Amino acid sequence: MISGYVLTNLEVNVLEVIYSILFVDDEINVLNSLKRGVREESYKTFFALSGKEALEILEREEINVIITDAGMPEMNGLTLLNIVKKKYPHIVRMMLSGDSGMPQIGDSIKIGDVFKVINKPWKLEDELKVSIKEAIKYYKQQIK
């Protein structure tokens, strides 16, 4: 109820915030898998095949969460997330990694550059979707 006015279900849904997620991976098959995995979720989603393309999207779109592959050519995931941290500190940064042996990833988590790392291959319901919800919850806490 807003000052004596009862909201209809449609009006309540319109007031609900839609959060945006940017997925970055140099492998089109991985991006397609991510698209299929989140298509029924109520997020605005963006997909990029490189760090450069991701930065272009960030310049024109309001992004809340970024999830990037760690090992990409030209600009790896850690480099991308360091740029994102400097230019867009409010964005929650996550990483997909097929190489758990990268010590830089653990260091990045410790110093707050990366909110969470999801190992490839991930479990859609138990890992990826849960991690996205945690990231959005963290985002909401940061903007309060």
N, C-alpha and C. Protein backbone atom coordinates (compact mmCIF):
# COMPACT_ATOMS: atom_id res chain seq x y z
N MET A 1 0.86 -1.18 0.00
CA MET A 1 0.00 0.00 0.00
C MET A 1 0.89 1.23 0.00
N ILE A 2 0.64 2.12 -0.90
CA ILE A 2 1.36 3.40 -0.95
C ILE A 2 0.36 4.50 -0.64
N SER A 3 0.52 5.18 0.50
CA SER A 3 -0.35 6.25 0.99
C SER A 3 -1.83 6.04 0.64
N GLY A 4 -2.38 4.98 1.18
CA GLY A 4 -3.81 4.72 1.03
C GLY A 4 -4.19 4.06 -0.28
N TYR A 5 -3.24 3.76 -1.13
CA TYR A 5 -3.51 3.18 -2.44
C TYR A 5 -3.09 1.72 -2.42
N VAL A 6 -3.96 0.81 -2.80
CA VAL A 6 -3.64 -0.61 -2.84
C VAL A 6 -3.08 -0.94 -4.23
N LEU A 7 -1.90 -1.56 -4.25
CA LEU A 7 -1.27 -1.92 -5.52
C LEU A 7 -1.83 -3.22 -6.06
N THR A 8 -2.06 -3.29 -7.35
CA THR A 8 -2.46 -4.54 -7.98
C THR A 8 -1.22 -5.40 -8.16
N ASN A 9 -1.41 -6.69 -8.47
CA ASN A 9 -0.26 -7.57 -8.70
C ASN A 9 0.60 -7.06 -9.85
N LEU A 10 -0.02 -6.54 -10.89
CA LEU A 10 0.73 -6.02 -12.03
C LEU A 10 1.61 -4.84 -11.59
N GLU A 11 1.07 -3.96 -10.79
CA GLU A 11 1.84 -2.81 -10.32
C GLU A 11 2.99 -3.23 -9.41
N VAL A 12 2.78 -4.24 -8.60
CA VAL A 12 3.84 -4.75 -7.73
C VAL A 12 4.96 -5.31 -8.59
N ASN A 13 4.61 -6.07 -9.65
CA ASN A 13 5.63 -6.64 -10.53
C ASN A 13 6.41 -5.56 -11.25
N VAL A 14 5.76 -4.48 -11.63
CA VAL A 14 6.44 -3.38 -12.31
C VAL A 14 7.46 -2.73 -11.38
N LEU A 15 7.16 -2.69 -10.08
CA LEU A 15 8.07 -2.07 -9.12
C LEU A 15 9.27 -2.95 -8.78
N GLU A 16 9.21 -4.23 -9.15
CA GLU A 16 10.30 -5.14 -8.87
C GLU A 16 11.52 -4.78 -9.73
N VAL A 17 12.68 -4.74 -9.12
CA VAL A 17 13.91 -4.38 -9.83
C VAL A 17 14.40 -5.58 -10.63
N ILE A 18 14.77 -5.33 -11.88
CA ILE A 18 15.38 -6.37 -12.70
C ILE A 18 16.88 -6.13 -12.70
N TYR A 19 17.63 -7.09 -12.22
CA TYR A 19 19.08 -6.97 -12.15
C TYR A 19 19.72 -7.46 -13.44
N SER A 20 20.85 -6.88 -13.78
CA SER A 20 21.50 -7.22 -15.05
C SER A 20 22.82 -7.94 -14.80
N ILE A 21 23.06 -8.93 -15.65
CA ILE A 21 24.26 -9.76 -15.52
C ILE A 21 24.96 -9.79 -16.88
N LEU A 22 26.26 -9.60 -16.84
CA LEU A 22 27.09 -9.69 -18.04
C LEU A 22 27.95 -10.95 -17.93
N PHE A 23 27.80 -11.84 -18.91
CA PHE A 23 28.60 -13.07 -18.98
C PHE A 23 29.67 -12.88 -20.05
N VAL A 24 30.90 -13.26 -19.73
CA VAL A 24 32.01 -13.09 -20.67
C VAL A 24 32.77 -14.41 -20.79
N ASP A 25 32.88 -14.90 -22.01
CA ASP A 25 33.66 -16.11 -22.27
C ASP A 25 34.04 -16.11 -23.74
N ASP A 26 35.25 -16.53 -24.05
CA ASP A 26 35.68 -16.54 -25.45
C ASP A 26 35.16 -17.76 -26.21
N GLU A 27 34.52 -18.68 -25.52
CA GLU A 27 33.96 -19.87 -26.17
C GLU A 27 32.45 -19.70 -26.35
N ILE A 28 32.01 -19.66 -27.60
CA ILE A 28 30.60 -19.47 -27.90
C ILE A 28 29.73 -20.57 -27.29
N ASN A 29 30.26 -21.80 -27.24
CA ASN A 29 29.48 -22.90 -26.65
C ASN A 29 29.21 -22.67 -25.17
N VAL A 30 30.17 -22.09 -24.47
CA VAL A 30 29.98 -21.79 -23.05
C VAL A 30 28.93 -20.69 -22.89
N LEU A 31 29.03 -19.64 -23.71
CA LEU A 31 28.03 -18.56 -23.64
C LEU A 31 26.64 -19.09 -23.96
N ASN A 32 26.53 -19.97 -24.96
CA ASN A 32 25.22 -20.54 -25.29
C ASN A 32 24.68 -21.37 -24.13
N SER A 33 25.54 -22.10 -23.46
CA SER A 33 25.13 -22.89 -22.30
C SER A 33 24.64 -21.96 -21.18
N LEU A 34 25.34 -20.86 -20.97
CA LEU A 34 24.93 -19.89 -19.95
C LEU A 34 23.57 -19.27 -20.32
N LYS A 35 23.39 -18.94 -21.59
CA LYS A 35 22.11 -18.38 -22.06
C LYS A 35 20.97 -19.33 -21.76
N ARG A 36 21.16 -20.61 -22.11
CA ARG A 36 20.13 -21.61 -21.84
C ARG A 36 19.86 -21.74 -20.35
N GLY A 37 20.92 -21.67 -19.56
CA GLY A 37 20.81 -21.87 -18.12
C GLY A 37 20.04 -20.78 -17.39
N VAL A 38 20.10 -19.55 -17.90
CA VAL A 38 19.46 -18.44 -17.19
C VAL A 38 18.26 -17.84 -17.94
N ARG A 39 17.88 -18.42 -19.06
CA ARG A 39 16.83 -17.80 -19.87
C ARG A 39 15.49 -17.68 -19.15
N GLU A 40 15.22 -18.55 -18.20
CA GLU A 40 13.94 -18.48 -17.49
C GLU A 40 14.02 -17.68 -16.20
N GLU A 41 15.20 -17.15 -15.92
CA GLU A 41 15.37 -16.32 -14.73
C GLU A 41 14.97 -14.89 -15.07
N SER A 42 14.66 -14.11 -14.06
CA SER A 42 14.19 -12.75 -14.29
C SER A 42 15.35 -11.74 -14.25
N TYR A 43 16.39 -12.00 -15.03
CA TYR A 43 17.52 -11.10 -15.13
C TYR A 43 17.58 -10.53 -16.54
N LYS A 44 18.14 -9.34 -16.64
CA LYS A 44 18.49 -8.80 -17.95
C LYS A 44 19.90 -9.30 -18.20
N THR A 45 20.11 -10.03 -19.29
CA THR A 45 21.41 -10.65 -19.52
C THR A 45 22.10 -10.09 -20.76
N PHE A 46 23.43 -10.04 -20.66
CA PHE A 46 24.28 -9.60 -21.75
C PHE A 46 25.39 -10.63 -21.88
N PHE A 47 25.89 -10.80 -23.11
CA PHE A 47 26.90 -11.81 -23.37
C PHE A 47 28.00 -11.21 -24.25
N ALA A 48 29.26 -11.48 -23.88
CA ALA A 48 30.40 -10.96 -24.62
C ALA A 48 31.42 -12.07 -24.85
N LEU A 49 32.05 -12.04 -26.03
CA LEU A 49 33.05 -13.04 -26.39
C LEU A 49 34.48 -12.64 -26.04
N SER A 50 34.65 -11.45 -25.47
CA SER A 50 36.00 -10.99 -25.12
C SER A 50 35.92 -9.92 -24.04
N GLY A 51 37.06 -9.66 -23.42
CA GLY A 51 37.13 -8.58 -22.45
C GLY A 51 36.83 -7.24 -23.09
N LYS A 52 37.33 -7.03 -24.28
CA LYS A 52 37.09 -5.77 -25.00
C LYS A 52 35.60 -5.57 -25.25
N GLU A 53 34.93 -6.61 -25.72
CA GLU A 53 33.49 -6.51 -25.96
C GLU A 53 32.73 -6.26 -24.65
N ALA A 54 33.18 -6.89 -23.58
CA ALA A 54 32.55 -6.68 -22.27
C ALA A 54 32.67 -5.22 -21.84
N LEU A 55 33.85 -4.64 -22.02
CA LEU A 55 34.04 -3.23 -21.64
C LEU A 55 33.16 -2.29 -22.47
N GLU A 56 32.94 -2.64 -23.72
CA GLU A 56 32.03 -1.85 -24.57
C GLU A 56 30.60 -1.92 -24.04
N ILE A 57 30.18 -3.09 -23.63
CA ILE A 57 28.83 -3.25 -23.06
C ILE A 57 28.72 -2.46 -21.76
N LEU A 58 29.75 -2.53 -20.93
CA LEU A 58 29.74 -1.80 -19.66
C LEU A 58 29.62 -0.29 -19.85
N GLU A 59 30.16 0.22 -20.94
CA GLU A 59 30.07 1.65 -21.21
C GLU A 59 28.65 2.11 -21.51
N ARG A 60 27.83 1.22 -22.05
CA ARG A 60 26.49 1.65 -22.46
C ARG A 60 25.34 1.04 -21.65
N GLU A 61 25.63 0.07 -20.81
CA GLU A 61 24.58 -0.61 -20.03
C GLU A 61 24.87 -0.53 -18.54
N GLU A 62 23.82 -0.54 -17.74
CA GLU A 62 23.95 -0.60 -16.28
C GLU A 62 24.01 -2.08 -15.89
N ILE A 63 25.17 -2.53 -15.46
CA ILE A 63 25.39 -3.93 -15.11
C ILE A 63 25.55 -4.04 -13.59
N ASN A 64 24.94 -5.07 -13.02
CA ASN A 64 25.04 -5.30 -11.58
C ASN A 64 26.05 -6.40 -11.22
N VAL A 65 26.12 -7.42 -12.07
CA VAL A 65 27.01 -8.56 -11.82
C VAL A 65 27.71 -8.91 -13.13
N ILE A 66 29.02 -9.17 -13.04
CA ILE A 66 29.76 -9.67 -14.20
C ILE A 66 30.33 -11.03 -13.84
N ILE A 67 30.19 -11.97 -14.77
CA ILE A 67 30.75 -13.31 -14.59
C ILE A 67 31.61 -13.58 -15.82
N THR A 68 32.91 -13.71 -15.61
CA THR A 68 33.83 -13.87 -16.72
C THR A 68 34.66 -15.13 -16.60
N ASP A 69 35.04 -15.66 -17.74
CA ASP A 69 35.97 -16.78 -17.78
C ASP A 69 37.34 -16.26 -17.35
N ALA A 70 38.11 -17.10 -16.69
CA ALA A 70 39.45 -16.69 -16.25
C ALA A 70 40.44 -16.68 -17.40
N GLY A 71 40.43 -17.73 -18.21
CA GLY A 71 41.43 -17.87 -19.25
C GLY A 71 40.91 -17.52 -20.63
N MET A 72 41.13 -16.28 -21.03
CA MET A 72 40.74 -15.84 -22.37
C MET A 72 41.95 -15.23 -23.04
N PRO A 73 42.01 -15.30 -24.39
CA PRO A 73 43.13 -14.66 -25.09
C PRO A 73 42.99 -13.14 -25.06
N GLU A 74 44.05 -12.45 -25.32
CA GLU A 74 44.12 -10.99 -25.36
C GLU A 74 43.96 -10.34 -23.99
N MET A 75 42.82 -10.56 -23.33
CA MET A 75 42.60 -10.01 -21.99
C MET A 75 42.00 -11.12 -21.12
N ASN A 76 42.77 -11.58 -20.14
CA ASN A 76 42.22 -12.66 -19.30
C ASN A 76 41.20 -12.11 -18.31
N GLY A 77 40.50 -13.01 -17.64
CA GLY A 77 39.44 -12.62 -16.73
C GLY A 77 39.89 -11.74 -15.57
N LEU A 78 41.07 -12.03 -15.01
CA LEU A 78 41.56 -11.21 -13.89
C LEU A 78 41.85 -9.78 -14.33
N THR A 79 42.43 -9.64 -15.51
CA THR A 79 42.69 -8.29 -16.03
C THR A 79 41.38 -7.54 -16.23
N LEU A 80 40.40 -8.21 -16.84
CA LEU A 80 39.09 -7.60 -17.05
C LEU A 80 38.47 -7.18 -15.72
N LEU A 81 38.49 -8.08 -14.73
CA LEU A 81 37.86 -7.75 -13.45
C LEU A 81 38.59 -6.64 -12.71
N ASN A 82 39.90 -6.53 -12.89
CA ASN A 82 40.63 -5.40 -12.29
C ASN A 82 40.21 -4.08 -12.91
N ILE A 83 39.99 -4.08 -14.21
CA ILE A 83 39.51 -2.86 -14.89
C ILE A 83 38.10 -2.53 -14.40
N VAL A 84 37.27 -3.55 -14.31
CA VAL A 84 35.89 -3.35 -13.84
C VAL A 84 35.89 -2.80 -12.42
N LYS A 85 36.75 -3.34 -11.57
CA LYS A 85 36.81 -2.86 -10.18
C LYS A 85 37.15 -1.38 -10.12
N LYS A 86 38.07 -0.93 -10.96
CA LYS A 86 38.49 0.47 -10.96
C LYS A 86 37.42 1.39 -11.55
N LYS A 87 36.84 0.98 -12.69
CA LYS A 87 35.90 1.85 -13.39
C LYS A 87 34.46 1.74 -12.88
N TYR A 88 34.11 0.55 -12.38
CA TYR A 88 32.73 0.28 -11.94
C TYR A 88 32.76 -0.49 -10.62
N PRO A 89 33.19 0.14 -9.55
CA PRO A 89 33.39 -0.59 -8.29
C PRO A 89 32.12 -1.20 -7.70
N HIS A 90 30.96 -0.71 -8.11
CA HIS A 90 29.70 -1.24 -7.58
C HIS A 90 29.33 -2.60 -8.17
N ILE A 91 29.93 -2.98 -9.30
CA ILE A 91 29.59 -4.24 -9.96
C ILE A 91 30.19 -5.41 -9.18
N VAL A 92 29.38 -6.42 -8.92
CA VAL A 92 29.86 -7.62 -8.25
C VAL A 92 30.58 -8.47 -9.30
N ARG A 93 31.82 -8.87 -8.99
CA ARG A 93 32.68 -9.55 -9.94
C ARG A 93 32.84 -11.03 -9.58
N MET A 94 32.53 -11.89 -10.58
CA MET A 94 32.66 -13.34 -10.39
C MET A 94 33.46 -13.91 -11.55
N MET A 95 33.98 -15.12 -11.33
CA MET A 95 34.82 -15.73 -12.35
C MET A 95 34.47 -17.19 -12.54
N LEU A 96 34.51 -17.62 -13.81
CA LEU A 96 34.42 -19.03 -14.18
C LEU A 96 35.84 -19.51 -14.44
N SER A 97 36.19 -20.65 -13.89
CA SER A 97 37.56 -21.11 -14.09
C SER A 97 37.60 -22.62 -14.32
N GLY A 98 38.31 -23.00 -15.36
CA GLY A 98 38.56 -24.41 -15.62
C GLY A 98 39.90 -24.83 -15.05
N ASP A 99 40.63 -23.88 -14.47
CA ASP A 99 41.97 -24.13 -13.94
C ASP A 99 42.04 -23.70 -12.49
N SER A 100 41.79 -24.64 -11.59
CA SER A 100 41.80 -24.30 -10.16
C SER A 100 43.23 -24.09 -9.65
N GLY A 101 44.22 -24.32 -10.50
CA GLY A 101 45.60 -24.16 -10.08
C GLY A 101 46.16 -22.77 -10.29
N MET A 102 45.33 -21.80 -10.63
CA MET A 102 45.82 -20.43 -10.83
C MET A 102 45.88 -19.72 -9.48
N PRO A 103 47.06 -19.53 -8.91
CA PRO A 103 47.15 -18.92 -7.58
C PRO A 103 46.63 -17.48 -7.55
N GLN A 104 46.68 -16.77 -8.70
CA GLN A 104 46.20 -15.39 -8.73
C GLN A 104 44.71 -15.31 -8.40
N ILE A 105 43.96 -16.35 -8.74
CA ILE A 105 42.52 -16.33 -8.48
C ILE A 105 42.27 -16.31 -6.97
N GLY A 106 42.95 -17.17 -6.24
CA GLY A 106 42.81 -17.19 -4.79
C GLY A 106 43.20 -15.87 -4.17
N ASP A 107 44.28 -15.28 -4.67
CA ASP A 107 44.72 -13.98 -4.17
C ASP A 107 43.68 -12.90 -4.45
N SER A 108 43.06 -12.96 -5.62
CA SER A 108 42.05 -11.97 -5.98
C SER A 108 40.83 -12.06 -5.08
N ILE A 109 40.47 -13.25 -4.69
CA ILE A 109 39.34 -13.41 -3.78
C ILE A 109 39.69 -12.81 -2.42
N LYS A 110 40.90 -13.09 -1.95
CA LYS A 110 41.33 -12.59 -0.63
C LYS A 110 41.33 -11.07 -0.55
N ILE A 111 41.73 -10.40 -1.63
CA ILE A 111 41.80 -8.94 -1.57
C ILE A 111 40.52 -8.27 -2.09
N GLY A 112 39.52 -9.06 -2.41
CA GLY A 112 38.22 -8.49 -2.77
C GLY A 112 38.03 -8.16 -4.23
N ASP A 113 38.94 -8.59 -5.08
CA ASP A 113 38.76 -8.33 -6.51
C ASP A 113 37.68 -9.22 -7.11
N VAL A 114 37.52 -10.42 -6.55
CA VAL A 114 36.56 -11.39 -7.08
C VAL A 114 35.66 -11.84 -5.94
N PHE A 115 34.34 -11.72 -6.14
CA PHE A 115 33.37 -12.13 -5.13
C PHE A 115 33.35 -13.65 -4.99
N LYS A 116 33.38 -14.35 -6.13
CA LYS A 116 33.29 -15.80 -6.08
C LYS A 116 33.86 -16.39 -7.37
N VAL A 117 34.44 -17.59 -7.26
CA VAL A 117 34.90 -18.35 -8.42
C VAL A 117 34.03 -19.59 -8.54
N ILE A 118 33.56 -19.82 -9.76
CA ILE A 118 32.77 -21.02 -10.06
C ILE A 118 33.62 -21.88 -10.97
N ASN A 119 33.90 -23.10 -10.54
CA ASN A 119 34.74 -24.00 -11.34
C ASN A 119 33.94 -24.62 -12.47
N LYS A 120 34.61 -24.73 -13.63
CA LYS A 120 34.03 -25.42 -14.78
C LYS A 120 34.36 -26.90 -14.66
N PRO A 121 33.51 -27.78 -15.01
CA PRO A 121 32.11 -27.53 -15.37
C PRO A 121 31.29 -27.27 -14.10
N TRP A 122 30.34 -26.39 -14.18
CA TRP A 122 29.52 -26.03 -13.03
C TRP A 122 28.23 -26.83 -13.03
N LYS A 123 27.61 -26.88 -11.86
CA LYS A 123 26.28 -27.47 -11.72
C LYS A 123 25.31 -26.30 -11.78
N LEU A 124 24.43 -26.32 -12.75
CA LEU A 124 23.56 -25.18 -13.01
C LEU A 124 22.74 -24.78 -11.79
N GLU A 125 21.97 -25.69 -11.26
CA GLU A 125 21.05 -25.36 -10.15
C GLU A 125 21.79 -25.17 -8.84
N ASP A 126 22.76 -26.03 -8.56
CA ASP A 126 23.43 -26.03 -7.25
C ASP A 126 24.56 -25.01 -7.14
N GLU A 127 25.15 -24.61 -8.25
CA GLU A 127 26.28 -23.69 -8.18
C GLU A 127 26.01 -22.37 -8.87
N LEU A 128 25.77 -22.42 -10.18
CA LEU A 128 25.67 -21.18 -10.94
C LEU A 128 24.50 -20.32 -10.50
N LYS A 129 23.31 -20.88 -10.48
CA LYS A 129 22.14 -20.08 -10.11
C LYS A 129 22.21 -19.60 -8.66
N VAL A 130 22.69 -20.45 -7.78
CA VAL A 130 22.83 -20.06 -6.36
C VAL A 130 23.87 -18.94 -6.24
N SER A 131 24.96 -19.05 -6.96
CA SER A 131 26.01 -18.02 -6.91
C SER A 131 25.51 -16.69 -7.44
N ILE A 132 24.71 -16.72 -8.50
CA ILE A 132 24.15 -15.48 -9.04
C ILE A 132 23.23 -14.83 -8.01
N LYS A 133 22.40 -15.62 -7.36
CA LYS A 133 21.50 -15.07 -6.33
C LYS A 133 22.31 -14.47 -5.17
N GLU A 134 23.40 -15.14 -4.77
CA GLU A 134 24.26 -14.61 -3.71
C GLU A 134 24.89 -13.29 -4.14
N ALA A 135 25.31 -13.21 -5.39
CA ALA A 135 25.94 -11.98 -5.91
C ALA A 135 24.94 -10.83 -5.92
N ILE A 136 23.72 -11.10 -6.30
CA ILE A 136 22.69 -10.05 -6.33
C ILE A 136 22.36 -9.61 -4.91
N LYS A 137 22.28 -10.55 -4.00
CA LYS A 137 22.05 -10.20 -2.59
C LYS A 137 23.18 -9.31 -2.08
N TYR A 138 24.41 -9.67 -2.41
CA TYR A 138 25.57 -8.87 -2.02
C TYR A 138 25.51 -7.48 -2.66
N TYR A 139 25.12 -7.41 -3.92
CA TYR A 139 24.98 -6.14 -4.62
C TYR A 139 23.97 -5.24 -3.89
N LYS A 140 22.83 -5.82 -3.53
CA LYS A 140 21.78 -5.04 -2.83
C LYS A 140 22.31 -4.50 -1.51
N GLN A 141 23.09 -5.30 -0.80
CA GLN A 141 23.66 -4.84 0.48
C GLN A 141 24.66 -3.71 0.28
N GLN A 142 25.40 -3.76 -0.83
CA GLN A 142 26.40 -2.72 -1.10
C GLN A 142 25.79 -1.38 -1.43
N ILE A 143 24.62 -1.38 -2.08
CA ILE A 143 24.04 -0.11 -2.53
C ILE A 143 23.15 0.54 -1.49
N LYS A 144 22.95 -0.13 -0.36
CA LYS A 144 22.11 0.45 0.70
C LYS A 144 22.78 1.64 1.33
